[in-house]
Amino acid sequence: MYKPFAQKIQTLPDALISSLLLLIVGLTGGMNSAFAQQQDLPVCQPPNSGEYLLLIVSPTQNNQKQLREALPSDVKTTICRYLKDTVTRIGGFTKIDDANSWARYINNIVGLSAIITTRPSEVAQTPTQTVSYKPERLGEGFAVLVDYYNRPEVANQVRKVVGGDVGFVSYGQRPYLLAIYTNNQKEAYSTLEKLSEQGFFALLVNSRKVMLLRSTVRLQ
């Protein structure tokens, strides 16, 4: 089945064959170079105490160039890896409203989405809990997630802060506790701020990228 194709290749001019080979090699080299560049990136540093951090998903050099051009020259940025994404890290925010304003500005001007994170802290342990899986992707809105550092018992502490049930989700192929899922932007920011004040490592993300595994985490 491959013979007719091989015969057609043999009838092509040498110059055209050389051009095709160079094109294939160039494309392959470009993909390998992009993959190597991502692997060489450092892991993003966590925020400092009392700091809100913006992580703007910017996988391509064109994204990064557009972002730099949209930002003031005195804004310090770092290209790094967060989960499996290439992001631009912008720190130094002490108020969630300031971080949110910059996130909206970047989305409106450059069209890139940002993740807002806060500093992690140790949380008192509680009795262990069981979780089961019922995958279901969340819809449009905002989700506030909490990194529980492989300690599901932290859900009890989060429940006290948010005053309601805590779910179990997957985001970026990593498990998190779901503190709140809402279409109300102010409610999401308020929850993120409360969790930050209590020392939790919280993320505010696009809920459409979150997979709900269990709506409620229950004690044994």
N, C-alpha and C. Protein backbone atom coordinates (compact mmCIF):
# COMPACT_ATOMS: atom_id res chain seq x y z
N MET A 1 0.81 -1.21 0.00
CA MET A 1 0.00 0.00 0.00
C MET A 1 0.85 1.27 0.00
N TYR A 2 2.12 1.16 0.39
CA TYR A 2 2.99 2.34 0.45
C TYR A 2 3.75 2.58 -0.86
N LYS A 3 3.75 1.59 -1.79
CA LYS A 3 4.57 1.67 -2.99
C LYS A 3 4.18 2.82 -3.89
N PRO A 4 2.87 3.03 -4.21
CA PRO A 4 2.51 4.15 -5.09
C PRO A 4 2.97 5.48 -4.54
N PHE A 5 2.84 5.68 -3.21
CA PHE A 5 3.28 6.94 -2.61
C PHE A 5 4.78 7.12 -2.77
N ALA A 6 5.54 6.05 -2.54
CA ALA A 6 6.99 6.12 -2.69
C ALA A 6 7.38 6.45 -4.12
N GLN A 7 6.64 5.89 -5.10
CA GLN A 7 6.94 6.17 -6.49
C GLN A 7 6.69 7.63 -6.82
N LYS A 8 5.62 8.20 -6.23
CA LYS A 8 5.32 9.61 -6.47
C LYS A 8 6.42 10.50 -5.88
N ILE A 9 6.93 10.13 -4.71
CA ILE A 9 8.00 10.90 -4.08
C ILE A 9 9.24 10.90 -4.97
N GLN A 10 9.53 9.75 -5.57
CA GLN A 10 10.72 9.64 -6.40
C GLN A 10 10.64 10.52 -7.63
N THR A 11 9.42 10.84 -8.08
CA THR A 11 9.26 11.66 -9.28
C THR A 11 9.32 13.15 -8.99
N LEU A 12 9.32 13.53 -7.72
CA LEU A 12 9.39 14.95 -7.37
C LEU A 12 10.80 15.49 -7.60
N PRO A 13 10.93 16.78 -7.96
CA PRO A 13 12.25 17.40 -8.11
C PRO A 13 13.02 17.35 -6.80
N ASP A 14 14.35 17.21 -6.92
CA ASP A 14 15.19 17.13 -5.71
C ASP A 14 15.03 18.37 -4.84
N ALA A 15 14.91 19.54 -5.47
CA ALA A 15 14.80 20.78 -4.71
C ALA A 15 13.53 20.79 -3.86
N LEU A 16 12.42 20.27 -4.43
CA LEU A 16 11.16 20.24 -3.68
C LEU A 16 11.24 19.26 -2.52
N ILE A 17 11.86 18.10 -2.76
CA ILE A 17 12.02 17.11 -1.70
C ILE A 17 12.85 17.70 -0.55
N SER A 18 13.92 18.41 -0.90
CA SER A 18 14.77 19.02 0.13
C SER A 18 13.99 20.05 0.94
N SER A 19 13.15 20.83 0.26
CA SER A 19 12.36 21.84 0.95
C SER A 19 11.38 21.20 1.92
N LEU A 20 10.74 20.08 1.47
CA LEU A 20 9.80 19.37 2.33
C LEU A 20 10.49 18.80 3.56
N LEU A 21 11.67 18.23 3.35
CA LEU A 21 12.41 17.67 4.48
C LEU A 21 12.81 18.75 5.47
N LEU A 22 13.25 19.89 4.97
CA LEU A 22 13.63 21.00 5.85
C LEU A 22 12.43 21.50 6.65
N LEU A 23 11.25 21.53 6.00
CA LEU A 23 10.05 21.98 6.68
C LEU A 23 9.68 21.03 7.82
N ILE A 24 9.74 19.73 7.54
CA ILE A 24 9.42 18.72 8.56
C ILE A 24 10.39 18.80 9.72
N VAL A 25 11.68 18.90 9.41
CA VAL A 25 12.70 19.00 10.46
C VAL A 25 12.50 20.26 11.29
N GLY A 26 12.16 21.36 10.62
CA GLY A 26 11.96 22.62 11.33
C GLY A 26 10.79 22.56 12.27
N LEU A 27 9.66 21.97 11.81
CA LEU A 27 8.49 21.85 12.68
C LEU A 27 8.77 20.97 13.88
N THR A 28 9.44 19.84 13.63
CA THR A 28 9.78 18.93 14.73
C THR A 28 10.70 19.59 15.73
N GLY A 29 11.70 20.30 15.22
CA GLY A 29 12.63 20.98 16.11
C GLY A 29 11.95 22.05 16.93
N GLY A 30 10.96 22.75 16.30
CA GLY A 30 10.23 23.79 17.02
C GLY A 30 9.43 23.22 18.17
N MET A 31 8.76 22.06 17.93
CA MET A 31 7.98 21.43 18.99
C MET A 31 8.87 20.94 20.11
N ASN A 32 10.00 20.34 19.75
CA ASN A 32 10.93 19.86 20.77
C ASN A 32 11.49 21.02 21.59
N SER A 33 11.77 22.14 20.89
CA SER A 33 12.31 23.31 21.58
C SER A 33 11.31 23.88 22.56
N ALA A 34 10.01 23.95 22.15
CA ALA A 34 8.97 24.48 23.04
C ALA A 34 8.80 23.59 24.26
N PHE A 35 8.83 22.26 24.04
CA PHE A 35 8.70 21.32 25.16
C PHE A 35 9.87 21.45 26.12
N ALA A 36 11.07 21.57 25.56
CA ALA A 36 12.27 21.69 26.39
C ALA A 36 12.24 22.98 27.19
N GLN A 37 11.73 24.07 26.55
CA GLN A 37 11.66 25.35 27.24
C GLN A 37 10.73 25.27 28.44
N GLN A 38 9.59 24.58 28.28
CA GLN A 38 8.65 24.44 29.39
C GLN A 38 9.26 23.63 30.52
N GLN A 39 10.00 22.56 30.15
CA GLN A 39 10.61 21.72 31.17
C GLN A 39 11.68 22.46 31.94
N ASP A 40 12.33 23.43 31.31
CA ASP A 40 13.41 24.17 31.96
C ASP A 40 12.89 25.25 32.89
N LEU A 41 11.60 25.58 32.81
CA LEU A 41 11.06 26.65 33.64
C LEU A 41 11.04 26.25 35.12
N PRO A 42 11.33 27.19 36.02
CA PRO A 42 11.26 26.88 37.45
C PRO A 42 9.81 26.78 37.91
N VAL A 43 9.60 26.07 39.01
CA VAL A 43 8.28 25.99 39.62
C VAL A 43 7.99 27.33 40.29
N CYS A 44 6.75 27.81 40.17
CA CYS A 44 6.39 29.12 40.72
C CYS A 44 6.55 29.13 42.24
N GLN A 45 7.13 30.21 42.73
CA GLN A 45 7.28 30.38 44.17
C GLN A 45 5.95 30.78 44.80
N PRO A 46 5.63 30.26 45.99
CA PRO A 46 4.36 30.61 46.64
C PRO A 46 4.38 32.06 47.11
N PRO A 47 3.22 32.63 47.41
CA PRO A 47 3.16 34.01 47.88
C PRO A 47 3.75 34.16 49.28
N ASN A 48 4.17 35.36 49.60
CA ASN A 48 4.66 35.66 50.94
C ASN A 48 3.47 35.84 51.89
N SER A 49 3.76 35.98 53.16
CA SER A 49 2.71 36.17 54.15
C SER A 49 1.93 37.44 53.86
N GLY A 50 0.60 37.33 53.83
CA GLY A 50 -0.24 38.50 53.59
C GLY A 50 -0.28 38.96 52.15
N GLU A 51 0.26 38.17 51.24
CA GLU A 51 0.35 38.57 49.83
C GLU A 51 -0.67 37.82 48.99
N TYR A 52 -1.26 38.53 48.03
CA TYR A 52 -2.08 37.90 47.00
C TYR A 52 -1.25 37.84 45.72
N LEU A 53 -1.35 36.71 45.06
CA LEU A 53 -0.50 36.44 43.90
C LEU A 53 -1.34 36.18 42.67
N LEU A 54 -0.91 36.76 41.54
CA LEU A 54 -1.57 36.50 40.26
C LEU A 54 -0.71 35.55 39.43
N LEU A 55 -1.32 34.50 38.90
CA LEU A 55 -0.66 33.58 37.99
C LEU A 55 -1.45 33.62 36.69
N ILE A 56 -0.87 34.26 35.66
CA ILE A 56 -1.56 34.42 34.38
C ILE A 56 -1.12 33.32 33.43
N VAL A 57 -2.07 32.52 32.98
CA VAL A 57 -1.75 31.42 32.07
C VAL A 57 -1.29 32.01 30.74
N SER A 58 0.00 31.81 30.41
CA SER A 58 0.60 32.38 29.20
C SER A 58 1.56 31.38 28.59
N PRO A 59 1.03 30.36 27.89
CA PRO A 59 1.85 29.25 27.40
C PRO A 59 2.78 29.57 26.24
N THR A 60 2.48 30.62 25.46
CA THR A 60 3.29 30.91 24.29
C THR A 60 4.12 32.17 24.48
N GLN A 61 5.18 32.30 23.70
CA GLN A 61 6.00 33.51 23.76
C GLN A 61 5.21 34.73 23.32
N ASN A 62 4.26 34.54 22.41
CA ASN A 62 3.42 35.65 21.96
C ASN A 62 2.53 36.13 23.10
N ASN A 63 1.97 35.19 23.88
CA ASN A 63 1.19 35.57 25.06
C ASN A 63 2.02 36.39 26.03
N GLN A 64 3.24 35.92 26.27
CA GLN A 64 4.12 36.58 27.23
C GLN A 64 4.52 37.97 26.75
N LYS A 65 4.74 38.11 25.43
CA LYS A 65 5.10 39.40 24.86
C LYS A 65 3.95 40.38 24.98
N GLN A 66 2.73 39.93 24.64
CA GLN A 66 1.55 40.79 24.75
C GLN A 66 1.33 41.24 26.19
N LEU A 67 1.56 40.33 27.13
CA LEU A 67 1.36 40.67 28.54
C LEU A 67 2.37 41.71 28.99
N ARG A 68 3.64 41.52 28.62
CA ARG A 68 4.67 42.50 29.01
C ARG A 68 4.35 43.88 28.44
N GLU A 69 3.87 43.92 27.21
CA GLU A 69 3.55 45.20 26.58
C GLU A 69 2.36 45.89 27.24
N ALA A 70 1.47 45.09 27.84
CA ALA A 70 0.27 45.66 28.48
C ALA A 70 0.54 46.12 29.91
N LEU A 71 1.63 45.64 30.51
CA LEU A 71 1.93 45.98 31.90
C LEU A 71 2.90 47.16 32.00
N PRO A 72 2.79 47.96 33.05
CA PRO A 72 3.78 49.02 33.28
C PRO A 72 5.18 48.43 33.42
N SER A 73 6.18 49.20 33.04
CA SER A 73 7.56 48.70 33.03
C SER A 73 8.08 48.35 34.42
N ASP A 74 7.48 48.96 35.47
CA ASP A 74 7.99 48.71 36.83
C ASP A 74 7.34 47.49 37.49
N VAL A 75 6.42 46.81 36.78
CA VAL A 75 5.79 45.61 37.33
C VAL A 75 6.72 44.42 37.10
N LYS A 76 7.10 43.76 38.18
CA LYS A 76 8.01 42.62 38.09
C LYS A 76 7.24 41.35 37.78
N THR A 77 7.67 40.64 36.74
CA THR A 77 7.02 39.39 36.35
C THR A 77 8.05 38.26 36.27
N THR A 78 7.57 37.05 36.45
CA THR A 78 8.42 35.86 36.35
C THR A 78 7.66 34.79 35.57
N ILE A 79 8.32 34.18 34.59
CA ILE A 79 7.74 33.06 33.86
C ILE A 79 8.09 31.77 34.62
N CYS A 80 7.08 30.98 34.97
CA CYS A 80 7.33 29.77 35.76
C CYS A 80 6.25 28.73 35.48
N ARG A 81 6.37 27.58 36.12
CA ARG A 81 5.41 26.49 35.93
C ARG A 81 4.50 26.37 37.16
N TYR A 82 3.19 26.29 36.90
CA TYR A 82 2.21 26.02 37.95
C TYR A 82 1.38 24.83 37.50
N LEU A 83 1.43 23.73 38.27
CA LEU A 83 0.85 22.48 37.83
C LEU A 83 1.46 22.12 36.49
N LYS A 84 0.65 22.03 35.42
CA LYS A 84 1.19 21.72 34.10
C LYS A 84 1.12 22.92 33.16
N ASP A 85 0.86 24.09 33.71
CA ASP A 85 0.72 25.29 32.90
C ASP A 85 1.97 26.17 32.98
N THR A 86 2.25 26.87 31.88
CA THR A 86 3.26 27.92 31.88
C THR A 86 2.54 29.21 32.21
N VAL A 87 2.97 29.89 33.27
CA VAL A 87 2.26 31.09 33.73
C VAL A 87 3.24 32.24 33.94
N THR A 88 2.67 33.44 33.99
CA THR A 88 3.43 34.63 34.36
C THR A 88 3.03 35.00 35.77
N ARG A 89 4.00 35.06 36.66
CA ARG A 89 3.74 35.32 38.08
C ARG A 89 3.89 36.80 38.39
N ILE A 90 2.87 37.39 39.01
CA ILE A 90 2.92 38.79 39.45
C ILE A 90 2.52 38.83 40.91
N GLY A 91 3.41 39.27 41.77
CA GLY A 91 3.14 39.31 43.20
C GLY A 91 3.10 40.74 43.72
N GLY A 92 3.05 40.84 45.06
CA GLY A 92 3.10 42.15 45.70
C GLY A 92 1.77 42.76 46.07
N PHE A 93 0.67 42.05 45.83
CA PHE A 93 -0.64 42.60 46.18
C PHE A 93 -0.97 42.29 47.64
N THR A 94 -1.39 43.31 48.39
CA THR A 94 -1.75 43.12 49.79
C THR A 94 -3.26 43.11 49.99
N LYS A 95 -4.02 43.48 48.95
CA LYS A 95 -5.48 43.48 49.03
C LYS A 95 -6.04 42.67 47.87
N ILE A 96 -7.09 41.90 48.15
CA ILE A 96 -7.69 41.08 47.11
C ILE A 96 -8.32 41.94 46.02
N ASP A 97 -8.85 43.12 46.39
CA ASP A 97 -9.45 44.01 45.39
C ASP A 97 -8.43 44.46 44.36
N ASP A 98 -7.19 44.72 44.82
CA ASP A 98 -6.14 45.14 43.89
C ASP A 98 -5.79 44.01 42.94
N ALA A 99 -5.65 42.79 43.49
CA ALA A 99 -5.34 41.64 42.65
C ALA A 99 -6.46 41.40 41.64
N ASN A 100 -7.70 41.54 42.09
CA ASN A 100 -8.84 41.34 41.21
C ASN A 100 -8.87 42.39 40.09
N SER A 101 -8.56 43.64 40.43
CA SER A 101 -8.56 44.70 39.42
C SER A 101 -7.53 44.42 38.33
N TRP A 102 -6.35 43.95 38.73
CA TRP A 102 -5.31 43.61 37.75
C TRP A 102 -5.71 42.40 36.92
N ALA A 103 -6.37 41.43 37.56
CA ALA A 103 -6.83 40.25 36.82
C ALA A 103 -7.84 40.65 35.75
N ARG A 104 -8.77 41.54 36.10
CA ARG A 104 -9.76 42.01 35.13
C ARG A 104 -9.10 42.81 34.01
N TYR A 105 -8.14 43.66 34.37
CA TYR A 105 -7.43 44.47 33.37
C TYR A 105 -6.71 43.57 32.37
N ILE A 106 -6.00 42.57 32.87
CA ILE A 106 -5.25 41.66 32.00
C ILE A 106 -6.19 40.88 31.08
N ASN A 107 -7.32 40.45 31.64
CA ASN A 107 -8.29 39.70 30.82
C ASN A 107 -8.90 40.59 29.73
N ASN A 108 -9.21 41.84 30.07
CA ASN A 108 -9.83 42.76 29.11
C ASN A 108 -8.85 43.21 28.02
N ILE A 109 -7.60 43.47 28.41
CA ILE A 109 -6.62 44.01 27.46
C ILE A 109 -5.94 42.91 26.65
N VAL A 110 -5.53 41.84 27.31
CA VAL A 110 -4.74 40.79 26.65
C VAL A 110 -5.57 39.54 26.36
N GLY A 111 -6.67 39.37 27.09
CA GLY A 111 -7.50 38.18 26.89
C GLY A 111 -6.99 36.94 27.58
N LEU A 112 -6.12 37.10 28.59
CA LEU A 112 -5.57 35.97 29.33
C LEU A 112 -6.24 35.88 30.70
N SER A 113 -6.44 34.66 31.18
CA SER A 113 -7.07 34.46 32.48
C SER A 113 -6.02 34.33 33.58
N ALA A 114 -6.40 34.76 34.79
CA ALA A 114 -5.46 34.74 35.91
C ALA A 114 -6.04 33.95 37.08
N ILE A 115 -5.14 33.29 37.80
CA ILE A 115 -5.48 32.58 39.04
C ILE A 115 -5.00 33.44 40.20
N ILE A 116 -5.85 33.63 41.21
CA ILE A 116 -5.46 34.39 42.40
C ILE A 116 -5.18 33.39 43.52
N THR A 117 -4.01 33.48 44.14
CA THR A 117 -3.66 32.57 45.23
C THR A 117 -3.26 33.36 46.47
N THR A 118 -3.31 32.67 47.61
CA THR A 118 -2.86 33.27 48.87
C THR A 118 -1.92 32.31 49.58
N ARG A 119 -1.32 32.78 50.63
CA ARG A 119 -0.28 32.01 51.31
C ARG A 119 -0.84 30.81 52.08
N PRO A 120 -0.19 29.63 51.96
CA PRO A 120 -0.62 28.48 52.75
C PRO A 120 -0.15 28.58 54.19
N SER A 121 -0.81 27.86 55.06
CA SER A 121 -0.42 27.85 56.47
C SER A 121 -0.87 26.55 57.10
N GLU A 122 -0.28 26.20 58.24
CA GLU A 122 -0.68 24.99 58.94
C GLU A 122 -2.07 25.17 59.54
N VAL A 123 -2.87 24.13 59.47
CA VAL A 123 -4.23 24.16 60.01
C VAL A 123 -4.39 22.99 60.97
N ALA A 124 -5.08 23.21 62.07
CA ALA A 124 -5.25 22.15 63.06
C ALA A 124 -5.98 20.95 62.44
N GLN A 125 -5.54 19.74 62.80
CA GLN A 125 -6.15 18.54 62.26
C GLN A 125 -7.42 18.17 63.02
N THR A 126 -8.31 17.46 62.32
CA THR A 126 -9.56 16.98 62.91
C THR A 126 -9.70 15.51 62.55
N PRO A 127 -10.73 14.83 63.05
CA PRO A 127 -10.89 13.41 62.71
C PRO A 127 -10.91 13.17 61.21
N THR A 128 -10.44 12.00 60.80
CA THR A 128 -10.36 11.68 59.38
C THR A 128 -11.73 11.57 58.75
N GLN A 129 -11.77 11.77 57.41
CA GLN A 129 -13.01 11.74 56.68
C GLN A 129 -12.87 10.82 55.49
N THR A 130 -14.01 10.39 54.96
CA THR A 130 -13.99 9.57 53.75
C THR A 130 -14.51 10.37 52.58
N VAL A 131 -13.97 10.11 51.39
CA VAL A 131 -14.44 10.77 50.19
C VAL A 131 -14.66 9.71 49.12
N SER A 132 -15.66 9.89 48.31
CA SER A 132 -15.89 9.00 47.19
C SER A 132 -15.99 9.83 45.91
N TYR A 133 -15.98 9.18 44.75
CA TYR A 133 -15.87 9.87 43.49
C TYR A 133 -17.18 9.83 42.70
N LYS A 134 -17.61 10.96 42.25
CA LYS A 134 -18.76 11.09 41.36
C LYS A 134 -18.45 12.24 40.41
N PRO A 135 -17.61 12.00 39.40
CA PRO A 135 -17.13 13.08 38.53
C PRO A 135 -18.25 13.85 37.84
N GLU A 136 -18.14 15.17 37.89
CA GLU A 136 -19.11 16.04 37.23
C GLU A 136 -18.46 17.42 37.08
N ARG A 137 -18.35 17.90 35.84
CA ARG A 137 -17.70 19.19 35.61
C ARG A 137 -18.63 20.32 36.03
N LEU A 138 -18.07 21.30 36.76
CA LEU A 138 -18.84 22.45 37.17
C LEU A 138 -19.14 23.34 35.96
N GLY A 139 -20.18 24.15 36.09
CA GLY A 139 -20.56 25.05 35.01
C GLY A 139 -19.88 26.40 35.12
N GLU A 140 -20.47 27.39 34.48
CA GLU A 140 -19.89 28.73 34.46
C GLU A 140 -19.97 29.37 35.84
N GLY A 141 -18.95 30.12 36.21
CA GLY A 141 -18.93 30.81 37.48
C GLY A 141 -17.55 30.84 38.09
N PHE A 142 -17.51 30.91 39.42
CA PHE A 142 -16.26 31.01 40.16
C PHE A 142 -16.18 29.88 41.20
N ALA A 143 -15.00 29.32 41.36
CA ALA A 143 -14.78 28.29 42.37
C ALA A 143 -13.61 28.69 43.24
N VAL A 144 -13.79 28.60 44.54
CA VAL A 144 -12.70 28.85 45.48
C VAL A 144 -12.25 27.49 46.02
N LEU A 145 -10.99 27.15 45.75
CA LEU A 145 -10.45 25.86 46.12
C LEU A 145 -9.42 26.01 47.24
N VAL A 146 -9.25 24.96 48.01
CA VAL A 146 -8.29 24.96 49.11
C VAL A 146 -7.37 23.75 48.97
N ASP A 147 -6.07 23.99 48.99
CA ASP A 147 -5.09 22.90 48.97
C ASP A 147 -5.02 22.33 50.39
N TYR A 148 -5.34 21.05 50.52
CA TYR A 148 -5.41 20.44 51.85
C TYR A 148 -4.19 19.59 52.17
N TYR A 149 -3.17 19.59 51.30
CA TYR A 149 -1.90 18.90 51.55
C TYR A 149 -2.09 17.44 51.95
N ASN A 150 -2.96 16.76 51.20
CA ASN A 150 -3.23 15.33 51.42
C ASN A 150 -3.80 15.04 52.81
N ARG A 151 -4.48 16.01 53.40
CA ARG A 151 -5.12 15.83 54.70
C ARG A 151 -6.61 16.18 54.57
N PRO A 152 -7.46 15.23 54.18
CA PRO A 152 -8.89 15.52 53.99
C PRO A 152 -9.55 16.09 55.23
N GLU A 153 -8.98 15.84 56.42
CA GLU A 153 -9.57 16.34 57.66
C GLU A 153 -9.61 17.87 57.71
N VAL A 154 -8.81 18.52 56.88
CA VAL A 154 -8.81 19.99 56.84
C VAL A 154 -10.18 20.52 56.41
N ALA A 155 -10.99 19.67 55.76
CA ALA A 155 -12.32 20.09 55.30
C ALA A 155 -13.18 20.60 56.45
N ASN A 156 -13.00 20.04 57.63
CA ASN A 156 -13.80 20.47 58.78
C ASN A 156 -13.50 21.92 59.14
N GLN A 157 -12.22 22.29 59.05
CA GLN A 157 -11.84 23.67 59.33
C GLN A 157 -12.37 24.62 58.28
N VAL A 158 -12.30 24.19 57.01
CA VAL A 158 -12.80 25.03 55.92
C VAL A 158 -14.31 25.22 56.07
N ARG A 159 -15.02 24.15 56.48
CA ARG A 159 -16.47 24.23 56.65
C ARG A 159 -16.85 25.29 57.69
N LYS A 160 -16.06 25.40 58.74
CA LYS A 160 -16.34 26.40 59.77
C LYS A 160 -16.18 27.82 59.23
N VAL A 161 -15.21 28.00 58.33
CA VAL A 161 -14.95 29.33 57.78
C VAL A 161 -16.06 29.75 56.82
N VAL A 162 -16.48 28.81 55.94
CA VAL A 162 -17.47 29.17 54.92
C VAL A 162 -18.91 28.99 55.40
N GLY A 163 -19.08 28.29 56.52
CA GLY A 163 -20.41 28.11 57.06
C GLY A 163 -21.30 27.21 56.23
N GLY A 164 -20.73 26.20 55.60
CA GLY A 164 -21.52 25.29 54.78
C GLY A 164 -20.71 24.07 54.39
N ASP A 165 -21.30 23.21 53.57
CA ASP A 165 -20.64 21.99 53.14
C ASP A 165 -19.42 22.29 52.28
N VAL A 166 -18.46 21.39 52.33
CA VAL A 166 -17.23 21.49 51.54
C VAL A 166 -17.17 20.30 50.60
N GLY A 167 -16.87 20.56 49.34
CA GLY A 167 -16.80 19.49 48.35
C GLY A 167 -15.37 19.03 48.09
N PHE A 168 -15.26 18.06 47.20
CA PHE A 168 -13.96 17.50 46.83
C PHE A 168 -13.88 17.53 45.30
N VAL A 169 -12.83 18.18 44.76
CA VAL A 169 -12.75 18.40 43.32
C VAL A 169 -11.36 18.11 42.78
N SER A 170 -11.27 18.13 41.46
CA SER A 170 -9.99 18.01 40.77
C SER A 170 -9.82 19.24 39.88
N TYR A 171 -8.63 19.85 39.98
CA TYR A 171 -8.32 21.02 39.16
C TYR A 171 -6.86 20.90 38.72
N GLY A 172 -6.62 20.96 37.42
CA GLY A 172 -5.26 20.81 36.93
C GLY A 172 -4.68 19.46 37.29
N GLN A 173 -5.54 18.43 37.31
CA GLN A 173 -5.15 17.06 37.64
C GLN A 173 -4.62 16.94 39.07
N ARG A 174 -5.05 17.85 39.96
CA ARG A 174 -4.71 17.76 41.37
C ARG A 174 -5.97 17.88 42.21
N PRO A 175 -6.04 17.20 43.36
CA PRO A 175 -7.24 17.26 44.21
C PRO A 175 -7.24 18.50 45.10
N TYR A 176 -8.41 19.06 45.29
CA TYR A 176 -8.60 20.22 46.17
C TYR A 176 -9.93 20.08 46.91
N LEU A 177 -10.06 20.81 48.00
CA LEU A 177 -11.36 20.97 48.65
C LEU A 177 -12.07 22.15 47.97
N LEU A 178 -13.36 21.98 47.75
CA LEU A 178 -14.17 23.05 47.14
C LEU A 178 -14.86 23.82 48.26
N ALA A 179 -14.41 25.05 48.48
CA ALA A 179 -14.98 25.88 49.54
C ALA A 179 -16.30 26.49 49.10
N ILE A 180 -16.35 26.94 47.84
CA ILE A 180 -17.58 27.55 47.33
C ILE A 180 -17.56 27.53 45.81
N TYR A 181 -18.75 27.34 45.23
CA TYR A 181 -18.95 27.45 43.79
C TYR A 181 -20.13 28.38 43.59
N THR A 182 -19.91 29.51 42.89
CA THR A 182 -20.94 30.53 42.80
C THR A 182 -20.80 31.34 41.52
N ASN A 183 -21.89 31.96 41.10
CA ASN A 183 -21.86 32.91 39.99
C ASN A 183 -21.68 34.34 40.49
N ASN A 184 -21.71 34.50 41.81
CA ASN A 184 -21.57 35.82 42.42
C ASN A 184 -20.09 36.12 42.65
N GLN A 185 -19.56 37.04 41.87
CA GLN A 185 -18.14 37.34 41.95
C GLN A 185 -17.74 37.88 43.32
N LYS A 186 -18.54 38.76 43.88
CA LYS A 186 -18.22 39.34 45.19
C LYS A 186 -18.20 38.27 46.28
N GLU A 187 -19.13 37.32 46.19
CA GLU A 187 -19.19 36.23 47.17
C GLU A 187 -17.93 35.37 47.08
N ALA A 188 -17.46 35.13 45.85
CA ALA A 188 -16.25 34.33 45.67
C ALA A 188 -15.03 35.04 46.26
N TYR A 189 -14.92 36.34 46.00
CA TYR A 189 -13.78 37.10 46.52
C TYR A 189 -13.82 37.19 48.05
N SER A 190 -15.03 37.34 48.59
CA SER A 190 -15.18 37.41 50.04
C SER A 190 -14.75 36.10 50.70
N THR A 191 -15.14 34.97 50.08
CA THR A 191 -14.76 33.66 50.62
C THR A 191 -13.24 33.47 50.55
N LEU A 192 -12.65 33.86 49.43
CA LEU A 192 -11.19 33.75 49.28
C LEU A 192 -10.47 34.55 50.35
N GLU A 193 -10.99 35.76 50.63
CA GLU A 193 -10.37 36.62 51.63
C GLU A 193 -10.49 36.02 53.03
N LYS A 194 -11.66 35.45 53.35
CA LYS A 194 -11.85 34.82 54.66
C LYS A 194 -10.88 33.66 54.85
N LEU A 195 -10.75 32.83 53.84
CA LEU A 195 -9.85 31.68 53.93
C LEU A 195 -8.40 32.13 54.07
N SER A 196 -8.05 33.17 53.34
CA SER A 196 -6.68 33.70 53.42
C SER A 196 -6.38 34.21 54.82
N GLU A 197 -7.35 34.91 55.42
CA GLU A 197 -7.15 35.45 56.76
C GLU A 197 -6.98 34.34 57.81
N GLN A 198 -7.56 33.16 57.52
CA GLN A 198 -7.44 32.02 58.43
C GLN A 198 -6.23 31.15 58.13
N GLY A 199 -5.42 31.55 57.14
CA GLY A 199 -4.17 30.85 56.86
C GLY A 199 -4.26 29.70 55.89
N PHE A 200 -5.37 29.59 55.12
CA PHE A 200 -5.49 28.52 54.15
C PHE A 200 -4.85 28.92 52.82
N PHE A 201 -4.40 27.92 52.08
CA PHE A 201 -3.88 28.14 50.73
C PHE A 201 -5.06 28.03 49.78
N ALA A 202 -5.62 29.17 49.39
CA ALA A 202 -6.85 29.18 48.59
C ALA A 202 -6.58 29.70 47.18
N LEU A 203 -7.38 29.19 46.23
CA LEU A 203 -7.29 29.60 44.83
C LEU A 203 -8.66 30.04 44.35
N LEU A 204 -8.70 31.09 43.56
CA LEU A 204 -9.94 31.51 42.90
C LEU A 204 -9.77 31.21 41.42
N VAL A 205 -10.60 30.31 40.87
CA VAL A 205 -10.41 29.84 39.51
C VAL A 205 -11.72 29.84 38.73
N ASN A 206 -11.59 29.69 37.41
CA ASN A 206 -12.73 29.53 36.53
C ASN A 206 -13.37 28.17 36.81
N SER A 207 -14.62 28.17 37.24
CA SER A 207 -15.25 26.92 37.68
C SER A 207 -15.44 25.92 36.55
N ARG A 208 -15.44 26.37 35.31
CA ARG A 208 -15.61 25.45 34.19
C ARG A 208 -14.43 24.50 34.02
N LYS A 209 -13.32 24.82 34.66
CA LYS A 209 -12.14 23.96 34.59
C LYS A 209 -12.01 23.03 35.79
N VAL A 210 -13.07 22.99 36.62
CA VAL A 210 -13.04 22.20 37.85
C VAL A 210 -13.94 20.97 37.69
N MET A 211 -13.44 19.82 38.08
CA MET A 211 -14.21 18.58 38.05
C MET A 211 -14.66 18.23 39.47
N LEU A 212 -15.96 18.21 39.68
CA LEU A 212 -16.51 17.88 41.00
C LEU A 212 -16.49 16.36 41.19
N LEU A 213 -15.81 15.91 42.23
CA LEU A 213 -15.73 14.49 42.54
C LEU A 213 -16.74 14.08 43.60
N ARG A 214 -16.97 14.97 44.55
CA ARG A 214 -18.01 14.73 45.57
C ARG A 214 -18.50 16.08 46.08
N SER A 215 -19.81 16.22 46.16
CA SER A 215 -20.38 17.51 46.56
C SER A 215 -20.18 17.81 48.05
N THR A 216 -20.06 16.75 48.86
CA THR A 216 -19.88 16.94 50.30
C THR A 216 -18.86 15.96 50.83
N VAL A 217 -17.91 16.44 51.61
CA VAL A 217 -16.94 15.59 52.29
C VAL A 217 -17.47 15.36 53.70
N ARG A 218 -17.70 14.09 54.06
CA ARG A 218 -18.33 13.77 55.35
C ARG A 218 -17.37 13.09 56.29
N LEU A 219 -17.59 13.31 57.58
CA LEU A 219 -16.81 12.63 58.61
C LEU A 219 -17.20 11.16 58.69
N GLN A 220 -16.24 10.34 59.11
CA GLN A 220 -16.54 8.92 59.33
C GLN A 220 -17.43 8.73 60.54
